């Protein structure tokens, strides 16, 4: 059974930083692209950052997080992280971890929510001004 469990969310002041973690299990980690997505109240879910399967490990960053976010993975621990800095109130959202098999990820593709099959329950990030 695929399980994705996010953690690391919380309340942070604008300009602060946090690291989100996603613990993955129940699938062959190297065969899947893994991504971070977010959904703010009243808005559609959107891709934040994604990392390709082990053959490429190319990454995608949404424009709004470029220069402020870093996605990384620890294959030995089946963990994926999203480090975010210079947080803004508009970053307030529920952040989800998701996986997709055999998705190619690049600088401008491979990180759309409808491409991903399995989702975690999400972790709330609230940035106060």
Foldseek 3Di string as FASTA:
>chain_A
DWAWAKDWADEAAAQAKTKMKIQIDDDQQQQKKKFKWWDDPPDDIFTAKIAGHPVGRAMEGDPVQVPFWDWDADNVRRMIMIIGGSDDQVVWTWMKMFIAGPFDDYHPDRGGPVRTDDIHPTDTHGYHD
